[in-house]
Amino acid sequence: MSPWADGLGRAGARAVQLLALTAVAAMVLWVVLALKVVVLAVVVALILACAVRPLVQGLTHHGWGNTGAAVTVFVCLLGGLGGIITGVVLGVREQLDDLATAATTGWQHVQQLLAAAPLPVDADTVNAALARLRDYLASASARQSALSGLTVASEVLTGSVLMVIVLFFFLKDGPRLWNFVLRWSKGNTRARLAESGDRTVSILGSYVHGIALVATVDATFIGIGLWAVGVPLVVPLTIIVFLTAFVPVVGALVAGTLAALVALVTNGPVAALVVVLIVVVVNHLEGYFLHPVVMGHTLRLHGLVVLLALSAGTVLAGVAGAVLAVPLTAVAWAVLQVWTTRYQAGEDPVLGPDPVSAKESAADRVSRLNRRRYQRMRSQARPAPWATPPPPRMPSHTQISP
């Protein structure tokens, strides 16, 4: 009897397989982290291309050439991103002097509040903390941190340039590149690859559209609140709220905290409390209304899965990982449903209702619309019974003697 035939032997075989798969996954993860700049540039370019691809298709349907449509959308997209960055820089520069003056006065108010608090903090304690901060800034650790920051800045610049180049080619030749990939397989494998690609494009595009709408609502309401309270740097803070809202759950909260700190040092504790209340109300509006309505059919992910994906993405890739973790997790779940049939969807007589929403998602819709194309790809693996193989072609240089 083979030692692998009993239960322990089968468990050992499965353990060896699991170790092998873990080693392969660890190697792939190591390669991805080693090429983090390239991978992030390609992923960001892919997400942006999926978001604006409908614009390119719309222009081509109206008679534009593919290159002209791609160049037009590409320039408009870069102009929009450049305008956002310019707005933040100009807004901060115009109000920097006023902010410095107000911050000095606000810091004095904060010291007075700390001294009058139930647990008073005297000026000597504050001065000692500031002295330790100055010592750290003058130390070798601070210089090493500054060098690390320059390295990160150079990587960001390199990745941004690469992302722009890859984005242009995705907009111009995206379908051709995907056609090239599909031609390496046939039959059922090609159909599954095609469906996975269609689902990926649909989910990423729908996610960007939905999260942009949520970010716009967050920035609008918080910006109006900051303007009503009289907080300086309204435009830069509003743009920061818009950008950080692309990180689900915690993004708007972090930006709101920054706005509350600016209000505290410039307008006092009452204004800061009002800003905090505005941020809390907007976050509740986002969490209980906007996300379920706008993003529900796109993500179809439980809140705990979103939180774990955010945590894992932040640990592995920092801020970029936090931004990309949720859409990539949604894509992974949609693609997994294409390649496996183990998950039993729908009502179960014992388990009850399906924990995954029964409503049709964006991925399900794109699969349904392209079902006939997938069936034609699967039929390519089986030649028609009436088809006969073509005769062998004679090389052009061969001459037939009479």
Protein backbone atom coordinates (compact mmCIF):
# COMPACT_ATOMS: atom_id res chain seq x y z
CA MET A 1 0.00 0.00 0.00
CA SER A 2 1.37 3.40 -0.93
CA PRO A 3 2.24 5.63 2.04
CA TRP A 4 0.38 8.46 0.28
CA ALA A 5 -2.89 6.52 -0.03
CA ASP A 6 -4.22 6.98 3.52
CA GLY A 7 -5.64 10.16 5.00
CA LEU A 8 -2.33 11.31 6.50
CA GLY A 9 -0.55 10.76 3.18
CA ARG A 10 -3.14 12.80 1.27
CA ALA A 11 -2.89 15.55 3.89
CA GLY A 12 0.91 15.53 3.48
CA ALA A 13 0.59 15.76 -0.30
CA ARG A 14 -1.78 18.70 0.06
CA ALA A 15 0.66 20.32 2.51
CA VAL A 16 3.52 19.97 0.02
CA GLN A 17 1.35 21.47 -2.71
CA LEU A 18 0.36 24.33 -0.40
CA LEU A 19 4.01 25.01 0.43
CA ALA A 20 4.89 25.04 -3.26
CA LEU A 21 2.06 27.45 -4.06
CA THR A 22 3.08 29.65 -1.13
CA ALA A 23 6.66 29.73 -2.37
CA VAL A 24 5.52 30.72 -5.88
CA ALA A 25 3.21 33.41 -4.45
CA ALA A 26 6.03 34.76 -2.27
CA MET A 27 8.37 34.87 -5.28
CA VAL A 28 5.77 36.71 -7.36
CA LEU A 29 5.17 39.16 -4.51
CA TRP A 30 8.93 39.73 -4.16
CA VAL A 31 9.23 40.50 -7.87
CA VAL A 32 6.25 42.87 -7.72
CA LEU A 33 7.72 44.74 -4.75
CA ALA A 34 11.13 44.89 -6.42
CA LEU A 35 9.50 46.42 -9.49
CA LYS A 36 7.06 48.48 -7.45
CA VAL A 37 7.58 51.68 -9.44
CA VAL A 38 6.88 49.95 -12.76
CA VAL A 39 3.94 47.93 -11.44
CA LEU A 40 2.26 50.94 -9.83
CA ALA A 41 2.75 53.01 -12.98
CA VAL A 42 1.15 50.32 -15.15
CA VAL A 43 -1.75 49.74 -12.72
CA VAL A 44 -2.52 53.46 -12.38
CA ALA A 45 -2.34 53.89 -16.14
CA LEU A 46 -4.68 50.91 -16.61
CA ILE A 47 -7.22 52.33 -14.15
CA LEU A 48 -7.17 55.76 -15.78
CA ALA A 49 -7.42 54.22 -19.24
CA CYS A 50 -10.44 52.14 -18.18
CA ALA A 51 -12.09 55.27 -16.78
CA VAL A 52 -11.70 57.42 -19.92
CA ARG A 53 -11.86 54.67 -22.56
CA PRO A 54 -15.60 55.38 -23.19
CA LEU A 55 -14.62 58.91 -24.26
CA VAL A 56 -12.17 57.54 -26.83
CA GLN A 57 -14.80 55.11 -28.11
CA GLY A 58 -17.37 57.89 -28.33
CA LEU A 59 -15.07 60.07 -30.41
CA THR A 60 -14.18 57.19 -32.75
CA HIS A 61 -17.88 56.41 -33.25
CA HIS A 62 -18.36 60.03 -34.35
CA GLY A 63 -15.78 59.72 -37.11
CA TRP A 64 -12.57 60.57 -35.28
CA GLY A 65 -9.46 58.56 -35.96
CA ASN A 66 -8.25 56.32 -33.17
CA THR A 67 -5.00 58.26 -32.75
CA GLY A 68 -6.71 61.64 -32.78
CA ALA A 69 -9.32 60.53 -30.24
CA ALA A 70 -6.65 59.05 -27.95
CA VAL A 71 -4.48 62.18 -28.15
CA THR A 72 -7.46 64.48 -27.44
CA VAL A 73 -8.60 62.53 -24.38
CA PHE A 74 -5.01 62.13 -23.21
CA VAL A 75 -4.32 65.88 -23.37
CA CYS A 76 -7.60 66.73 -21.63
CA LEU A 77 -6.88 64.23 -18.86
CA LEU A 78 -3.39 65.57 -18.27
CA GLY A 79 -4.74 69.11 -18.34
CA GLY A 80 -7.30 68.25 -15.67
CA LEU A 81 -4.73 66.60 -13.41
CA GLY A 82 -2.32 69.48 -13.94
CA GLY A 83 -5.05 71.98 -13.11
CA ILE A 84 -5.77 70.25 -9.81
CA ILE A 85 -2.10 70.30 -8.80
CA THR A 86 -1.74 73.93 -9.90
CA GLY A 87 -4.82 74.92 -7.89
CA VAL A 88 -3.38 73.40 -4.73
CA VAL A 89 0.02 75.05 -5.18
CA LEU A 90 -1.33 78.50 -6.05
CA GLY A 91 -3.94 78.42 -3.30
CA VAL A 92 -1.35 77.59 -0.65
CA ARG A 93 1.13 80.18 -1.96
CA GLU A 94 -1.42 83.00 -2.03
CA GLN A 95 -2.58 82.45 1.53
CA LEU A 96 0.66 81.21 3.09
CA ASP A 97 1.51 84.54 4.80
CA ASP A 98 -1.99 84.93 6.22
CA LEU A 99 -1.90 81.34 7.39
CA ALA A 100 1.45 81.84 9.16
CA THR A 101 0.18 84.94 10.98
CA ALA A 102 -3.07 83.27 11.98
CA ALA A 103 -1.21 80.12 13.05
CA THR A 104 0.99 82.15 15.43
CA THR A 105 -2.06 83.68 17.09
CA GLY A 106 -3.84 80.34 17.11
CA TRP A 107 -0.87 78.62 18.74
CA GLN A 108 -1.01 81.14 21.56
CA HIS A 109 -4.72 80.34 22.01
CA VAL A 110 -3.94 76.64 22.07
CA GLN A 111 -1.28 77.17 24.77
CA GLN A 112 -3.79 79.12 26.85
CA LEU A 113 -6.36 76.35 26.46
CA LEU A 114 -3.82 73.72 27.51
CA ALA A 115 -2.88 75.76 30.57
CA ALA A 116 -6.54 76.18 31.56
CA ALA A 117 -7.49 72.54 30.94
CA PRO A 118 -8.47 70.16 33.79
CA LEU A 119 -5.01 68.61 33.42
CA PRO A 120 -2.96 71.76 32.80
CA VAL A 121 0.13 71.64 30.63
CA ASP A 122 2.56 74.38 31.58
CA ALA A 123 4.71 76.34 29.13
CA ASP A 124 7.91 74.60 30.25
CA THR A 125 6.54 71.22 29.11
CA VAL A 126 5.56 72.61 25.71
CA ASN A 127 8.95 74.34 25.29
CA ALA A 128 10.76 71.13 26.23
CA ALA A 129 8.79 69.19 23.61
CA LEU A 130 9.61 71.82 20.98
CA ALA A 131 13.30 71.67 21.97
CA ARG A 132 13.31 67.90 21.48
CA LEU A 133 11.70 68.40 18.08
CA ARG A 134 14.41 70.91 17.09
CA ASP A 135 17.12 68.50 18.25
CA TYR A 136 15.64 65.73 16.13
CA LEU A 137 15.47 67.96 13.05
CA ALA A 138 19.17 68.72 13.47
CA SER A 139 20.18 65.11 14.06
CA ALA A 140 21.58 62.51 11.67
CA SER A 141 18.29 60.60 11.74
CA ALA A 142 16.48 63.61 10.30
CA ARG A 143 19.09 63.93 7.55
CA GLN A 144 18.73 60.24 6.74
CA SER A 145 14.96 60.68 6.61
CA ALA A 146 15.43 63.64 4.27
CA LEU A 147 17.59 61.50 1.95
CA SER A 148 14.93 58.78 2.03
CA GLY A 149 12.36 61.40 1.16
CA LEU A 150 14.42 62.51 -1.84
CA THR A 151 14.63 58.88 -2.99
CA VAL A 152 10.87 58.50 -2.71
CA ALA A 153 10.38 61.78 -4.59
CA SER A 154 12.62 60.58 -7.43
CA GLU A 155 10.70 57.29 -7.59
CA VAL A 156 7.40 59.18 -7.71
CA LEU A 157 8.70 61.37 -10.53
CA THR A 158 9.99 58.37 -12.48
CA GLY A 159 6.75 56.46 -11.94
CA SER A 160 4.68 59.47 -13.02
CA VAL A 161 6.57 59.85 -16.29
CA LEU A 162 6.29 56.12 -16.98
CA MET A 163 2.58 56.18 -16.09
CA VAL A 164 1.92 59.01 -18.56
CA ILE A 165 3.67 57.12 -21.37
CA VAL A 166 1.91 53.84 -20.63
CA LEU A 167 -1.44 55.64 -20.34
CA PHE A 168 -1.08 57.08 -23.84
CA PHE A 169 -0.39 53.67 -25.36
CA PHE A 170 -3.27 52.09 -23.41
CA LEU A 171 -5.63 54.74 -24.80
CA LYS A 172 -4.30 54.42 -28.33
CA ASP A 173 -3.63 50.68 -28.64
CA GLY A 174 -5.41 49.08 -25.67
CA PRO A 175 -7.70 46.77 -27.70
CA ARG A 176 -4.81 45.77 -29.99
CA LEU A 177 -2.61 44.89 -27.01
CA TRP A 178 -5.38 42.78 -25.48
CA ASN A 179 -5.98 41.12 -28.86
CA PHE A 180 -2.30 40.15 -28.88
CA VAL A 181 -2.64 38.59 -25.42
CA LEU A 182 -5.75 36.59 -26.33
CA ARG A 183 -4.09 35.07 -29.41
CA TRP A 184 -1.79 33.01 -27.17
CA SER A 185 -4.74 30.85 -26.09
CA LYS A 186 -7.84 29.36 -27.65
CA GLY A 187 -11.12 27.71 -26.80
CA ASN A 188 -12.38 27.86 -23.24
CA THR A 189 -9.16 29.45 -21.96
CA ARG A 190 -9.45 32.29 -24.46
CA ALA A 191 -13.11 32.83 -23.54
CA ARG A 192 -12.28 33.02 -19.85
CA LEU A 193 -9.39 35.40 -20.47
CA ALA A 194 -11.64 37.61 -22.60
CA GLU A 195 -14.36 37.65 -19.96
CA SER A 196 -11.80 38.41 -17.25
CA GLY A 197 -10.50 41.34 -19.28
CA ASP A 198 -13.99 42.68 -19.95
CA ARG A 199 -14.89 42.43 -16.28
CA THR A 200 -11.65 44.15 -15.27
CA VAL A 201 -12.21 47.09 -17.60
CA SER A 202 -15.85 47.42 -16.53
CA ILE A 203 -15.12 47.29 -12.79
CA LEU A 204 -12.16 49.66 -12.88
CA GLY A 205 -14.00 52.17 -15.05
CA SER A 206 -17.17 52.02 -12.96
CA TYR A 207 -15.14 52.28 -9.75
CA VAL A 208 -13.33 55.42 -10.88
CA HIS A 209 -16.59 57.03 -12.02
CA GLY A 210 -18.34 56.17 -8.77
CA ILE A 211 -15.52 57.17 -6.44
CA ALA A 212 -15.07 60.42 -8.36
CA LEU A 213 -18.76 61.22 -7.78
CA VAL A 214 -18.42 60.42 -4.07
CA ALA A 215 -15.25 62.52 -3.82
CA THR A 216 -16.98 65.44 -5.56
CA VAL A 217 -19.88 65.36 -3.11
CA ASP A 218 -17.52 65.14 -0.12
CA ALA A 219 -15.36 68.01 -1.36
CA THR A 220 -18.37 70.19 -2.19
CA PHE A 221 -20.07 69.89 1.18
CA ILE A 222 -16.89 70.14 3.24
CA GLY A 223 -15.64 73.04 1.09
CA ILE A 224 -18.90 74.95 1.58
CA GLY A 225 -18.66 74.32 5.32
CA LEU A 226 -15.08 75.58 5.48
CA TRP A 227 -16.05 78.70 3.52
CA ALA A 228 -19.01 79.36 5.80
CA VAL A 229 -16.85 79.02 8.92
CA GLY A 230 -14.19 81.31 7.45
CA VAL A 231 -11.29 78.85 7.43
CA PRO A 232 -8.38 79.95 5.20
CA LEU A 233 -7.02 77.82 2.36
CA VAL A 234 -10.54 76.74 1.38
CA VAL A 235 -9.61 75.83 -2.21
CA PRO A 236 -6.49 73.76 -1.38
CA LEU A 237 -8.25 72.00 1.50
CA THR A 238 -11.24 71.23 -0.72
CA ILE A 239 -8.98 69.75 -3.40
CA ILE A 240 -7.18 67.70 -0.74
CA VAL A 241 -10.55 66.39 0.48
CA PHE A 242 -11.40 65.43 -3.11
CA LEU A 243 -8.11 63.57 -3.61
CA THR A 244 -8.11 61.76 -0.27
CA ALA A 245 -11.70 60.60 -0.84
CA PHE A 246 -10.26 58.11 -3.36
CA VAL A 247 -9.10 56.15 -0.30
CA PRO A 248 -12.37 54.60 0.96
CA VAL A 249 -13.39 54.71 4.62
CA VAL A 250 -10.47 56.78 5.95
CA GLY A 251 -9.57 59.24 3.20
CA ALA A 252 -12.19 61.92 3.84
CA LEU A 253 -11.71 61.51 7.59
CA VAL A 254 -7.97 62.24 7.31
CA ALA A 255 -8.59 65.30 5.14
CA GLY A 256 -11.30 66.49 7.53
CA THR A 257 -8.90 66.16 10.43
CA LEU A 258 -6.39 68.32 8.56
CA ALA A 259 -9.09 70.94 7.92
CA ALA A 260 -10.07 70.88 11.59
CA LEU A 261 -6.44 71.46 12.63
CA VAL A 262 -6.18 74.44 10.27
CA ALA A 263 -9.42 75.81 11.71
CA LEU A 264 -8.11 75.28 15.25
CA VAL A 265 -4.89 77.24 14.78
CA THR A 266 -6.49 80.00 12.70
CA ASN A 267 -10.07 80.46 13.95
CA GLY A 268 -10.06 78.88 17.38
CA PRO A 269 -11.65 75.80 18.99
CA VAL A 270 -15.27 76.72 18.19
CA ALA A 271 -14.58 76.83 14.45
CA ALA A 272 -12.61 73.58 14.70
CA LEU A 273 -15.57 71.91 16.45
CA VAL A 274 -17.93 73.09 13.71
CA VAL A 275 -15.58 71.70 11.05
CA VAL A 276 -15.44 68.37 12.89
CA LEU A 277 -19.25 68.22 12.95
CA ILE A 278 -19.40 68.96 9.22
CA VAL A 279 -16.87 66.20 8.48
CA VAL A 280 -18.79 63.70 10.62
CA VAL A 281 -22.08 64.49 8.88
CA VAL A 282 -20.51 64.22 5.42
CA ASN A 283 -18.83 60.92 6.32
CA HIS A 284 -22.17 59.51 7.51
CA LEU A 285 -23.81 60.69 4.28
CA GLU A 286 -21.06 58.96 2.30
CA GLY A 287 -21.09 55.73 4.31
CA TYR A 288 -24.84 55.19 4.59
CA PHE A 289 -26.11 56.65 1.32
CA LEU A 290 -23.53 57.41 -1.37
CA HIS A 291 -21.37 54.29 -1.18
CA PRO A 292 -24.28 51.79 -1.07
CA VAL A 293 -26.11 53.53 -3.93
CA VAL A 294 -23.19 54.58 -6.15
CA MET A 295 -20.64 51.83 -5.47
CA GLY A 296 -22.86 48.91 -4.48
CA HIS A 297 -23.23 47.38 -7.96
CA THR A 298 -19.53 47.86 -8.70
CA LEU A 299 -17.70 46.56 -5.63
CA ARG A 300 -20.02 43.98 -4.08
CA LEU A 301 -17.51 43.67 -1.23
CA HIS A 302 -18.27 43.43 2.47
CA GLY A 303 -17.08 46.29 4.66
CA LEU A 304 -14.69 43.97 6.50
CA VAL A 305 -13.13 42.90 3.18
CA VAL A 306 -12.69 46.56 2.22
CA LEU A 307 -11.02 47.30 5.57
CA LEU A 308 -8.67 44.32 5.32
CA ALA A 309 -7.80 45.21 1.72
CA LEU A 310 -6.99 48.77 2.78
CA SER A 311 -4.78 47.51 5.60
CA ALA A 312 -2.91 45.03 3.41
CA GLY A 313 -2.46 47.57 0.60
CA THR A 314 -1.13 50.19 3.01
CA VAL A 315 1.38 47.76 4.53
CA LEU A 316 2.63 46.53 1.16
CA ALA A 317 2.67 49.75 -0.89
CA GLY A 318 1.91 52.69 1.38
CA VAL A 319 -0.46 55.39 0.15
CA ALA A 320 -0.57 53.96 -3.38
CA GLY A 321 -1.54 50.58 -1.98
CA ALA A 322 -4.34 52.15 0.06
CA VAL A 323 -5.72 53.84 -3.07
CA LEU A 324 -5.49 50.76 -5.31
CA ALA A 325 -6.32 47.97 -2.84
CA VAL A 326 -10.12 48.16 -3.01
CA PRO A 327 -10.59 48.25 -6.82
CA LEU A 328 -8.00 45.51 -7.30
CA THR A 329 -9.76 43.36 -4.70
CA ALA A 330 -13.06 43.87 -6.51
CA VAL A 331 -11.39 42.86 -9.78
CA ALA A 332 -9.87 39.76 -8.15
CA TRP A 333 -13.30 38.66 -6.85
CA ALA A 334 -14.94 39.18 -10.26
CA VAL A 335 -12.18 37.32 -12.11
CA LEU A 336 -12.24 34.49 -9.56
CA GLN A 337 -15.92 33.94 -10.38
CA VAL A 338 -14.95 33.46 -14.04
CA TRP A 339 -12.30 30.81 -13.39
CA THR A 340 -14.08 28.76 -10.74
CA THR A 341 -17.60 27.46 -10.21
CA ARG A 342 -17.16 26.40 -6.60
CA TYR A 343 -19.13 29.32 -5.19
CA GLN A 344 -22.82 28.37 -5.17
CA ALA A 345 -24.69 31.57 -5.86
CA GLY A 346 -28.36 32.15 -5.19
CA GLU A 347 -30.83 30.95 -2.56
CA ASP A 348 -29.89 27.78 -0.66
CA PRO A 349 -32.55 25.68 1.10
CA VAL A 350 -30.30 25.17 4.13
CA LEU A 351 -27.98 28.22 4.19
CA GLY A 352 -30.66 30.71 3.21
CA PRO A 353 -30.08 33.85 1.11
CA ASP A 354 -26.85 34.50 -0.75
CA PRO A 355 -24.58 36.84 1.28
CA VAL A 356 -23.42 38.36 -2.03
CA SER A 357 -25.96 40.78 -3.44
CA ALA A 358 -28.28 39.07 -5.90
CA LYS A 359 -28.55 42.23 -8.00
CA GLU A 360 -26.68 42.31 -11.27
CA SER A 361 -23.30 43.98 -10.91
CA ALA A 362 -21.26 45.79 -13.51
CA ALA A 363 -19.16 42.64 -14.04
CA ASP A 364 -22.24 40.44 -14.49
CA ARG A 365 -23.72 42.92 -16.96
CA VAL A 366 -20.65 43.05 -19.17
CA SER A 367 -20.45 39.23 -19.15
CA ARG A 368 -24.10 38.96 -20.16
CA LEU A 369 -23.69 41.43 -23.03
CA ASN A 370 -20.67 39.56 -24.41
CA ARG A 371 -21.96 36.01 -23.81
CA ARG A 372 -22.32 35.24 -27.53
CA ARG A 373 -18.73 36.31 -28.22
CA TYR A 374 -17.46 34.00 -25.45
CA GLN A 375 -19.45 31.10 -26.91
CA ARG A 376 -17.87 31.70 -30.33
CA MET A 377 -14.42 31.63 -28.73
CA ARG A 378 -15.17 28.30 -27.04
CA SER A 379 -16.37 26.79 -30.31
CA GLN A 380 -13.04 27.65 -31.94
CA ALA A 381 -11.43 24.77 -30.03
CA ARG A 382 -13.60 22.24 -31.90
CA PRO A 383 -13.23 22.27 -35.71
CA ALA A 384 -16.47 21.94 -37.63
CA PRO A 385 -17.19 18.34 -38.76
CA TRP A 386 -17.47 19.45 -42.40
CA ALA A 387 -14.21 21.35 -42.30
CA THR A 388 -11.29 19.68 -44.10
CA PRO A 389 -7.67 20.57 -43.49
CA PRO A 390 -6.23 22.80 -46.21
CA PRO A 391 -3.69 21.25 -48.57
CA PRO A 392 -0.05 21.85 -47.73
CA ARG A 393 1.29 25.01 -49.28
CA MET A 394 4.22 24.68 -51.64
CA PRO A 395 7.17 26.95 -50.80
CA SER A 396 7.37 29.81 -53.24
CA HIS A 397 10.94 29.00 -54.23
CA THR A 398 10.15 25.36 -55.18
CA GLN A 399 9.80 24.76 -58.88
CA ILE A 400 7.79 21.85 -60.28
CA SER A 401 9.53 20.11 -63.13
CA PRO A 402 7.40 19.33 -66.19
